[in-house]
C-alpha atoms as a PDB file:
ATOM      1  CA  MET A   1      20.222 -29.906 -13.441  1.00  0.00           C
ATOM      2  CA  GLU A   2      16.188 -29.971 -12.975  1.00  0.00           C
ATOM      3  CA  ILE A   3      17.036 -27.061 -10.325  1.00  0.00           C
ATOM      4  CA  HIS A   4      18.532 -25.139 -13.328  1.00  0.00           C
ATOM      5  CA  LYS A   5      16.230 -25.440 -16.003  1.00  0.00           C
ATOM      6  CA  THR A   6      14.229 -22.478 -15.865  1.00  0.00           C
ATOM      7  CA  SER A   7      17.267 -20.620 -15.316  1.00  0.00           C
ATOM      8  CA  PHE A   8      18.332 -22.453 -19.084  1.00  0.00           C
ATOM      9  CA  VAL A   9      14.709 -20.924 -20.387  1.00  0.00           C
ATOM     10  CA  VAL A  10      15.457 -17.945 -19.211  1.00  0.00           C
ATOM     11  CA  PHE A  11      18.441 -17.400 -21.262  1.00  0.00           C
ATOM     12  CA  ILE A  12      16.876 -18.570 -24.431  1.00  0.00           C
ATOM     13  CA  LEU A  13      14.043 -15.663 -23.930  1.00  0.00           C
ATOM     14  CA  ILE A  14      17.205 -13.390 -23.756  1.00  0.00           C
ATOM     15  CA  ILE A  15      19.014 -14.605 -26.645  1.00  0.00           C
ATOM     16  CA  ILE A  16      15.618 -14.424 -28.514  1.00  0.00           C
ATOM     17  CA  PHE A  17      14.780 -10.931 -26.826  1.00  0.00           C
ATOM     18  CA  ALA A  18      18.016  -9.577 -27.689  1.00  0.00           C
ATOM     19  CA  ILE A  19      17.971 -10.799 -31.508  1.00  0.00           C
ATOM     20  CA  ILE A  20      14.727  -9.613 -32.352  1.00  0.00           C
ATOM     21  CA  HIS A  21      15.526  -5.967 -30.940  1.00  0.00           C
ATOM     22  CA  SER A  22      19.035  -5.302 -31.895  1.00  0.00           C
ATOM     23  CA  GLY A  23      18.888  -7.600 -35.078  1.00  0.00           C
ATOM     24  CA  GLY A  24      15.474  -5.537 -36.168  1.00  0.00           C
ATOM     25  CA  ALA A  25      17.385  -2.066 -35.102  1.00  0.00           C
ATOM     26  CA  ALA A  26      20.311  -3.190 -37.558  1.00  0.00           C
ATOM     27  CA  LEU A  27      17.676  -3.702 -40.364  1.00  0.00           C
ATOM     28  CA  ARG A  28      16.168  -0.561 -40.165  1.00  0.00           C
ATOM     29  CA  ASN A  29      17.432   1.405 -42.588  1.00  0.00           C
ATOM     30  CA  LYS A  30      17.192  -1.402 -45.228  1.00  0.00           C
ATOM     31  CA  ALA A  31      13.899  -2.113 -44.248  1.00  0.00           C
ATOM     32  CA  GLU A  32      12.204   1.573 -44.055  1.00  0.00           C
ATOM     33  CA  SER A  33      13.597   1.753 -47.712  1.00  0.00           C
ATOM     34  CA  ILE A  34      11.620  -1.157 -49.203  1.00  0.00           C
ATOM     35  CA  MET A  35       8.233  -0.399 -46.816  1.00  0.00           C
ATOM     36  CA  GLY A  36       8.258   2.640 -45.433  1.00  0.00           C
ATOM     37  CA  PRO A  37       9.122   4.123 -41.886  1.00  0.00           C
ATOM     38  CA  ARG A  38       5.713   3.369 -40.271  1.00  0.00           C
ATOM     39  CA  LEU A  39       4.683  -0.054 -41.464  1.00  0.00           C
ATOM     40  CA  TRP A  40       8.409  -0.834 -40.411  1.00  0.00           C
ATOM     41  CA  ARG A  41       8.021   0.464 -36.954  1.00  0.00           C
ATOM     42  CA  LEU A  42       4.301  -1.564 -36.691  1.00  0.00           C
ATOM     43  CA  LEU A  43       6.082  -4.701 -37.389  1.00  0.00           C
ATOM     44  CA  PHE A  44       9.270  -4.345 -35.453  1.00  0.00           C
ATOM     45  CA  VAL A  45       6.851  -3.345 -32.651  1.00  0.00           C
ATOM     46  CA  SER A  46       4.253  -6.329 -33.001  1.00  0.00           C
ATOM     47  CA  ALA A  47       7.670  -8.216 -32.992  1.00  0.00           C
ATOM     48  CA  SER A  48       9.610  -7.154 -30.167  1.00  0.00           C
ATOM     49  CA  LEU A  49       6.563  -5.973 -27.672  1.00  0.00           C
ATOM     50  CA  PRO A  50       5.141  -9.731 -27.459  1.00  0.00           C
ATOM     51  CA  SER A  51       8.931 -11.134 -26.936  1.00  0.00           C
ATOM     52  CA  ALA A  52       8.984  -8.341 -23.538  1.00  0.00           C
ATOM     53  CA  ILE A  53       6.088  -9.245 -22.111  1.00  0.00           C
ATOM     54  CA  ILE A  54       7.012 -13.280 -21.990  1.00  0.00           C
ATOM     55  CA  LEU A  55      10.325 -12.582 -20.786  1.00  0.00           C
ATOM     56  CA  ILE A  56       9.064  -9.649 -18.469  1.00  0.00           C
ATOM     57  CA  GLY A  57       6.179 -12.609 -17.272  1.00  0.00           C
ATOM     58  CA  TYR A  58       8.656 -15.119 -17.055  1.00  0.00           C
ATOM     59  CA  PHE A  59      11.137 -13.353 -14.923  1.00  0.00           C
ATOM     60  CA  LEU A  60       8.226 -12.325 -12.688  1.00  0.00           C
ATOM     61  CA  THR A  61       6.919 -16.153 -12.410  1.00  0.00           C
ATOM     62  CA  HIS A  62       9.630 -17.831 -12.078  1.00  0.00           C
ATOM     63  CA  ARG A  63      12.176 -15.305 -10.057  1.00  0.00           C
ATOM     64  CA  TYR A  64      12.612 -17.379  -6.824  1.00  0.00           C
ATOM     65  CA  ASP A  65      13.764 -20.660  -8.979  1.00  0.00           C
ATOM     66  CA  GLY A  66      17.174 -22.252  -8.468  1.00  0.00           C
ATOM     67  CA  ILE A  67      19.519 -21.779  -5.544  1.00  0.00           C
ATOM     68  CA  ARG A  68      19.183 -18.841  -3.030  1.00  0.00           C
ATOM     69  CA  LEU A  69      22.600 -17.196  -3.200  1.00  0.00           C
ATOM     70  CA  TRP A  70      21.726 -14.412  -0.629  1.00  0.00           C
ATOM     71  CA  ASN A  71      18.758 -13.079   1.312  1.00  0.00           C
ATOM     72  CA  LEU A  72      19.135  -9.312   2.676  1.00  0.00           C
ATOM     73  CA  GLN A  73      15.199  -8.959   2.377  1.00  0.00           C
ATOM     74  CA  GLY A  74      15.438  -8.930   6.214  1.00  0.00           C
ATOM     75  CA  ASN A  75      17.215  -5.103   5.971  1.00  0.00           C
ATOM     76  CA  SER A  76      15.501  -2.127   5.874  1.00  0.00           C
ATOM     77  CA  PHE A  77      18.462  -0.817   4.292  1.00  0.00           C
ATOM     78  CA  VAL A  78      18.883  -2.935   1.157  1.00  0.00           C
ATOM     79  CA  PHE A  79      14.756  -2.502   0.723  1.00  0.00           C
ATOM     80  CA  TYR A  80      15.020   1.319   0.253  1.00  0.00           C
ATOM     81  CA  THR A  81      18.201   0.843  -1.472  1.00  0.00           C
ATOM     82  CA  VAL A  82      16.519  -1.522  -3.977  1.00  0.00           C
ATOM     83  CA  TRP A  83      13.406   0.697  -4.343  1.00  0.00           C
ATOM     84  CA  VAL A  84      15.590   4.200  -4.877  1.00  0.00           C
ATOM     85  CA  LEU A  85      17.822   2.310  -7.430  1.00  0.00           C
ATOM     86  CA  THR A  86      14.784   0.902  -8.893  1.00  0.00           C
ATOM     87  CA  ALA A  87      13.174   4.379  -9.411  1.00  0.00           C
ATOM     88  CA  ILE A  88      16.267   6.124 -10.518  1.00  0.00           C
ATOM     89  CA  SER A  89      16.250   2.751 -13.271  1.00  0.00           C
ATOM     90  CA  PHE A  90      12.702   4.030 -14.540  1.00  0.00           C
ATOM     91  CA  LEU A  91      13.914   7.799 -14.952  1.00  0.00           C
ATOM     92  CA  PHE A  92      16.827   6.689 -17.383  1.00  0.00           C
ATOM     93  CA  LEU A  93      14.488   3.942 -19.028  1.00  0.00           C
ATOM     94  CA  TYR A  94      11.984   6.103 -20.083  1.00  0.00           C
ATOM     95  CA  PRO A  95      11.396   9.432 -20.643  1.00  0.00           C
ATOM     96  CA  ALA A  96      14.559   9.817 -22.800  1.00  0.00           C
ATOM     97  CA  THR A  97      14.028   6.533 -25.122  1.00  0.00           C
ATOM     98  CA  TYR A  98      10.044   6.414 -25.483  1.00  0.00           C
ATOM     99  CA  ASN A  99       8.648   9.381 -28.433  1.00  0.00           C
ATOM    100  CA  LEU A 100       4.946   8.588 -27.553  1.00  0.00           C
ATOM    101  CA  LEU A 101       3.527  10.106 -31.022  1.00  0.00           C
ATOM    102  CA  GLU A 102       6.255   7.696 -32.788  1.00  0.00           C
ATOM    103  CA  ILE A 103       5.181   4.678 -31.346  1.00  0.00           C
ATOM    104  CA  PRO A 104       1.971   4.590 -32.327  1.00  0.00           C
ATOM    105  CA  SER A 105       2.918   6.163 -36.252  1.00  0.00           C
ATOM    106  CA  VAL A 106       1.245   9.626 -35.311  1.00  0.00           C
ATOM    107  CA  GLN A 107       4.660  11.383 -36.483  1.00  0.00           C
ATOM    108  CA  ARG A 108       6.712   9.876 -39.251  1.00  0.00           C
ATOM    109  CA  PRO A 109       9.218   7.492 -37.548  1.00  0.00           C
ATOM    110  CA  LYS A 110      13.082   8.942 -37.862  1.00  0.00           C
ATOM    111  CA  ILE A 111      16.339   8.120 -36.327  1.00  0.00           C
ATOM    112  CA  ARG A 112      17.132  11.349 -34.576  1.00  0.00           C
ATOM    113  CA  ILE A 113      20.491  12.503 -32.330  1.00  0.00           C
ATOM    114  CA  TYR A 114      18.853  13.746 -29.103  1.00  0.00           C
ATOM    115  CA  SER A 115      21.477  15.765 -26.665  1.00  0.00           C
ATOM    116  CA  THR A 116      19.471  17.308 -24.296  1.00  0.00           C
ATOM    117  CA  GLY A 117      17.350  16.237 -20.894  1.00  0.00           C
ATOM    118  CA  ILE A 118      18.870  12.726 -19.788  1.00  0.00           C
ATOM    119  CA  MET A 119      21.435  12.614 -22.818  1.00  0.00           C
ATOM    120  CA  ARG A 120      23.838  14.997 -21.043  1.00  0.00           C
ATOM    121  CA  VAL A 121      24.240  12.617 -18.256  1.00  0.00           C
ATOM    122  CA  THR A 122      23.978   9.781 -20.616  1.00  0.00           C
ATOM    123  CA  ARG A 123      24.250   9.210 -24.037  1.00  0.00           C
ATOM    124  CA  HIS A 124      22.648   5.601 -23.598  1.00  0.00           C
ATOM    125  CA  PRO A 125      19.966   5.750 -21.071  1.00  0.00           C
ATOM    126  CA  GLN A 126      18.134   3.145 -21.760  1.00  0.00           C
ATOM    127  CA  ALA A 127      20.864   0.308 -21.517  1.00  0.00           C
ATOM    128  CA  ILE A 128      21.960   2.198 -18.149  1.00  0.00           C
ATOM    129  CA  GLY A 129      18.489   2.022 -16.535  1.00  0.00           C
ATOM    130  CA  GLN A 130      18.276  -1.542 -17.348  1.00  0.00           C
ATOM    131  CA  ILE A 131      21.550  -2.170 -15.834  1.00  0.00           C
ATOM    132  CA  ILE A 132      20.536  -0.423 -12.436  1.00  0.00           C
ATOM    133  CA  TRP A 133      17.306  -2.344 -12.732  1.00  0.00           C
ATOM    134  CA  CYS A 134      19.209  -5.726 -13.259  1.00  0.00           C
ATOM    135  CA  ILE A 135      21.421  -4.896  -9.800  1.00  0.00           C
ATOM    136  CA  ALA A 136      18.995  -3.721  -7.818  1.00  0.00           C
ATOM    137  CA  HIS A 137      16.532  -6.755  -7.838  1.00  0.00           C
ATOM    138  CA  SER A 138      19.527  -9.075  -8.265  1.00  0.00           C
ATOM    139  CA  LEU A 139      20.439  -7.771  -4.854  1.00  0.00           C
ATOM    140  CA  TRP A 140      16.902  -8.437  -3.614  1.00  0.00           C
ATOM    141  CA  ILE A 141      15.735 -11.552  -4.803  1.00  0.00           C
ATOM    142  CA  GLY A 142      19.389 -12.913  -4.216  1.00  0.00           C
ATOM    143  CA  THR A 143      18.237 -16.280  -6.596  1.00  0.00           C
ATOM    144  CA  SER A 144      20.744 -17.877  -9.045  1.00  0.00           C
ATOM    145  CA  PHE A 145      17.450 -17.555 -11.704  1.00  0.00           C
ATOM    146  CA  THR A 146      17.187 -13.606 -11.083  1.00  0.00           C
ATOM    147  CA  LEU A 147      21.474 -13.493 -11.525  1.00  0.00           C
ATOM    148  CA  VAL A 148      21.299 -15.272 -14.790  1.00  0.00           C
ATOM    149  CA  THR A 149      18.680 -12.979 -15.841  1.00  0.00           C
ATOM    150  CA  SER A 150      20.362 -10.248 -15.216  1.00  0.00           C
ATOM    151  CA  LEU A 151      23.930 -11.302 -16.190  1.00  0.00           C
ATOM    152  CA  GLY A 152      21.845 -11.939 -19.330  1.00  0.00           C
ATOM    153  CA  LEU A 153      19.904  -8.355 -20.124  1.00  0.00           C
ATOM    154  CA  ILE A 154      23.467  -6.735 -19.015  1.00  0.00           C
ATOM    155  CA  PHE A 155      25.334  -8.574 -21.418  1.00  0.00           C
ATOM    156  CA  HIS A 156      22.796  -7.521 -24.105  1.00  0.00           C
ATOM    157  CA  HIS A 157      22.394  -3.962 -22.992  1.00  0.00           C
ATOM    158  CA  LEU A 158      26.343  -3.731 -23.270  1.00  0.00           C
ATOM    159  CA  PHE A 159      26.386  -4.817 -26.696  1.00  0.00           C
ATOM    160  CA  ALA A 160      23.420  -2.693 -27.428  1.00  0.00           C
ATOM    161  CA  ILE A 161      25.968   0.626 -26.360  1.00  0.00           C
ATOM    162  CA  TRP A 162      28.499  -0.836 -28.718  1.00  0.00           C
ATOM    163  CA  HIS A 163      26.042  -1.427 -31.847  1.00  0.00           C
ATOM    164  CA  GLY A 164      23.973   1.464 -31.038  1.00  0.00           C
ATOM    165  CA  ASP A 165      27.313   3.803 -31.588  1.00  0.00           C
ATOM    166  CA  LYS A 166      28.178   1.987 -34.841  1.00  0.00           C
ATOM    167  CA  ARG A 167      24.817   2.968 -36.360  1.00  0.00           C
ATOM    168  CA  LEU A 168      24.883   6.257 -35.159  1.00  0.00           C
ATOM    169  CA  GLU A 169      28.098   6.637 -36.655  1.00  0.00           C
ATOM    170  CA  PHE A 170      27.176   4.938 -39.906  1.00  0.00           C
ATOM    171  CA  LYS A 171      24.020   7.440 -40.464  1.00  0.00           C
ATOM    172  CA  PHE A 172      25.314  10.610 -38.982  1.00  0.00           C
ATOM    173  CA  GLY A 173      29.051  11.031 -39.403  1.00  0.00           C
ATOM    174  CA  GLU A 174      30.227  14.235 -38.240  1.00  0.00           C
ATOM    175  CA  GLU A 175      26.807  14.597 -36.359  1.00  0.00           C
ATOM    176  CA  PHE A 176      27.514  11.520 -34.351  1.00  0.00           C
ATOM    177  CA  TYR A 177      31.254  12.281 -33.791  1.00  0.00           C
ATOM    178  CA  LYS A 178      30.643  15.880 -32.175  1.00  0.00           C
ATOM    179  CA  PHE A 179      27.706  13.937 -29.806  1.00  0.00           C
ATOM    180  CA  ARG A 180      29.714  11.365 -28.775  1.00  0.00           C
ATOM    181  CA  GLU A 181      32.435  14.356 -27.868  1.00  0.00           C
ATOM    182  CA  SER A 182      30.285  16.178 -25.757  1.00  0.00           C
ATOM    183  CA  THR A 183      28.025  12.895 -23.805  1.00  0.00           C
ATOM    184  CA  SER A 184      29.608  10.308 -22.223  1.00  0.00           C
ATOM    185  CA  ILE A 185      28.422   6.545 -21.947  1.00  0.00           C
ATOM    186  CA  ILE A 186      28.853   6.327 -17.783  1.00  0.00           C
ATOM    187  CA  PRO A 187      26.682   8.467 -16.064  1.00  0.00           C
ATOM    188  CA  PHE A 188      27.888  12.603 -15.401  1.00  0.00           C
ATOM    189  CA  LEU A 189      31.015  11.504 -16.708  1.00  0.00           C
ATOM    190  CA  ALA A 190      30.891  14.252 -19.443  1.00  0.00           C
ATOM    191  CA  ILE A 191      29.559  16.680 -16.598  1.00  0.00           C
ATOM    192  CA  ILE A 192      32.053  16.263 -14.408  1.00  0.00           C
ATOM    193  CA  GLU A 193      35.359  16.531 -17.361  1.00  0.00           C
ATOM    194  CA  GLY A 194      33.241  19.599 -18.344  1.00  0.00           C
ATOM    195  CA  ARG A 195      31.930  18.729 -21.445  1.00  0.00           C
ATOM    196  CA  GLN A 196      28.393  18.726 -21.151  1.00  0.00           C
ATOM    197  CA  VAL A 197      26.433  20.938 -18.574  1.00  0.00           C
ATOM    198  CA  PHE A 198      23.163  19.436 -15.992  1.00  0.00           C
ATOM    199  CA  LYS A 199      19.991  21.884 -16.598  1.00  0.00           C
ATOM    200  CA  PHE A 200      17.302  20.934 -14.950  1.00  0.00           C
ATOM    201  CA  ARG A 201      14.620  22.897 -16.193  1.00  0.00           C
ATOM    202  CA  GLU A 202      14.502  20.184 -19.100  1.00  0.00           C
ATOM    203  CA  TYR A 203      13.396  17.545 -16.575  1.00  0.00           C
ATOM    204  CA  PHE A 204      10.412  19.504 -15.446  1.00  0.00           C
ATOM    205  CA  LYS A 205       8.513  17.482 -18.360  1.00  0.00           C
ATOM    206  CA  LEU A 206       4.835  15.776 -18.382  1.00  0.00           C
ATOM    207  CA  SER A 207       7.008  12.253 -18.982  1.00  0.00           C
ATOM    208  CA  GLN A 208       8.908  13.015 -15.834  1.00  0.00           C
ATOM    209  CA  ILE A 209       6.115  13.363 -13.977  1.00  0.00           C
ATOM    210  CA  GLY A 210       4.216  10.517 -15.384  1.00  0.00           C
ATOM    211  CA  ILE A 211       7.240   8.088 -14.641  1.00  0.00           C
ATOM    212  CA  LEU A 212       6.950   9.628 -11.040  1.00  0.00           C
ATOM    213  CA  ILE A 213       3.399   8.483 -10.935  1.00  0.00           C
ATOM    214  CA  ALA A 214       4.158   4.557 -11.819  1.00  0.00           C
ATOM    215  CA  ILE A 215       7.046   4.684  -9.684  1.00  0.00           C
ATOM    216  CA  ILE A 216       4.441   5.687  -7.132  1.00  0.00           C
ATOM    217  CA  VAL A 217       1.929   3.007  -7.995  1.00  0.00           C
ATOM    218  CA  ILE A 218       4.232   0.284  -8.980  1.00  0.00           C
ATOM    219  CA  TRP A 219       5.368   0.950  -5.110  1.00  0.00           C
ATOM    220  CA  THR A 220       2.183   0.772  -3.369  1.00  0.00           C
ATOM    221  CA  SER A 221       0.747  -2.244  -5.646  1.00  0.00           C
ATOM    222  CA  HIS A 222       3.960  -4.181  -5.429  1.00  0.00           C
ATOM    223  CA  ARG A 223       2.194  -6.768  -3.224  1.00  0.00           C
ATOM    224  CA  TYR A 224      -0.183  -7.840  -5.807  1.00  0.00           C
ATOM    225  CA  ILE A 225       2.448  -8.498  -8.484  1.00  0.00           C
ATOM    226  CA  ASN A 226       2.050 -12.613  -8.017  1.00  0.00           C
ATOM    227  CA  ILE A 227      -1.713 -12.284  -8.570  1.00  0.00           C
ATOM    228  CA  ALA A 228      -1.424 -10.156 -11.754  1.00  0.00           C
ATOM    229  CA  VAL A 229       1.488 -12.748 -12.912  1.00  0.00           C
ATOM    230  CA  THR A 230      -0.102 -15.794 -11.944  1.00  0.00           C
ATOM    231  CA  GLN A 231      -3.438 -14.558 -13.838  1.00  0.00           C
ATOM    232  CA  PHE A 232      -1.506 -13.236 -16.822  1.00  0.00           C
ATOM    233  CA  ILE A 233       0.167 -17.007 -17.455  1.00  0.00           C
ATOM    234  CA  HIS A 234      -2.989 -18.664 -17.177  1.00  0.00           C
ATOM    235  CA  LEU A 235      -4.732 -16.311 -19.967  1.00  0.00           C
ATOM    236  CA  PHE A 236      -1.902 -16.162 -21.803  1.00  0.00           C
ATOM    237  CA  CYS A 237      -1.826 -19.965 -21.949  1.00  0.00           C
ATOM    238  CA  LEU A 238      -5.392 -20.513 -22.069  1.00  0.00           C
ATOM    239  CA  ASN A 239      -5.906 -18.672 -25.598  1.00  0.00           C
ATOM    240  CA  PHE A 240      -2.325 -20.183 -26.918  1.00  0.00           C
ATOM    241  CA  LEU A 241      -3.997 -23.564 -26.316  1.00  0.00           C
ATOM    242  CA  ILE A 242      -7.435 -22.477 -27.707  1.00  0.00           C
ATOM    243  CA  GLY A 243      -5.665 -20.968 -30.740  1.00  0.00           C
ATOM    244  CA  SER A 244      -3.517 -23.957 -30.991  1.00  0.00           C
ATOM    245  CA  LEU A 245      -6.558 -26.190 -31.244  1.00  0.00           C
ATOM    246  CA  LYS A 246      -8.065 -24.577 -33.914  1.00  0.00           C
ATOM    247  CA  LEU A 247      -5.003 -24.253 -35.965  1.00  0.00           C
ATOM    248  CA  THR A 248      -5.061 -28.265 -35.315  1.00  0.00           C
ATOM    249  CA  HIS A 249      -8.839 -28.268 -36.289  1.00  0.00           C
ATOM    250  CA  LYS A 250      -8.764 -26.579 -39.768  1.00  0.00           C
END
């Protein structure tokens, strides 16, 4: 059981992450009516961002824990497959889901239905991107810890797909029904069925260029991830210990 201790811990971290994100999304309408959209956005980010950072840091630190289920890292085909899938997952994850002006509340945060860009491919790009990322990294790392992490995140995002559609249906009604009819959850299905059209010009944006630059930077700096994670964990634990000691002596 000791060998799977970190797998249990990461499973708990995923549950906390899921509760904060999905729970925060469910509370959004009620919370905004009480404190306003900007204050709620800042409160939500202050809770969700640390949970995500802790989860990512813990995963990177312990990704080779548990039992080694398979080892395909010597296979060059698998190597390039993993990198291609990871790059694709980033293109799904970021441009369609983050409005950079809304994050710091420069613009008034507002729930909208977007029907262009990556939404033509799938109306849940963040979930699809996360699933692709999990598959790629599970294939590469091959440990029981990574498999538990991936399955936990995949199940969370499958729930988020259902939950997201329900929230949009409740808020937008007929507008959402039309949006649902012209889009699909499975990537490219709506395009194949003729319910949607893929438009290349919608992808020539600065956000897409930024993601491509990020992919290149990650590719070239991947060898330094272990060093960065070690330093981050030590710094995080040190700050946490100092803060705890200060509270104790008050």
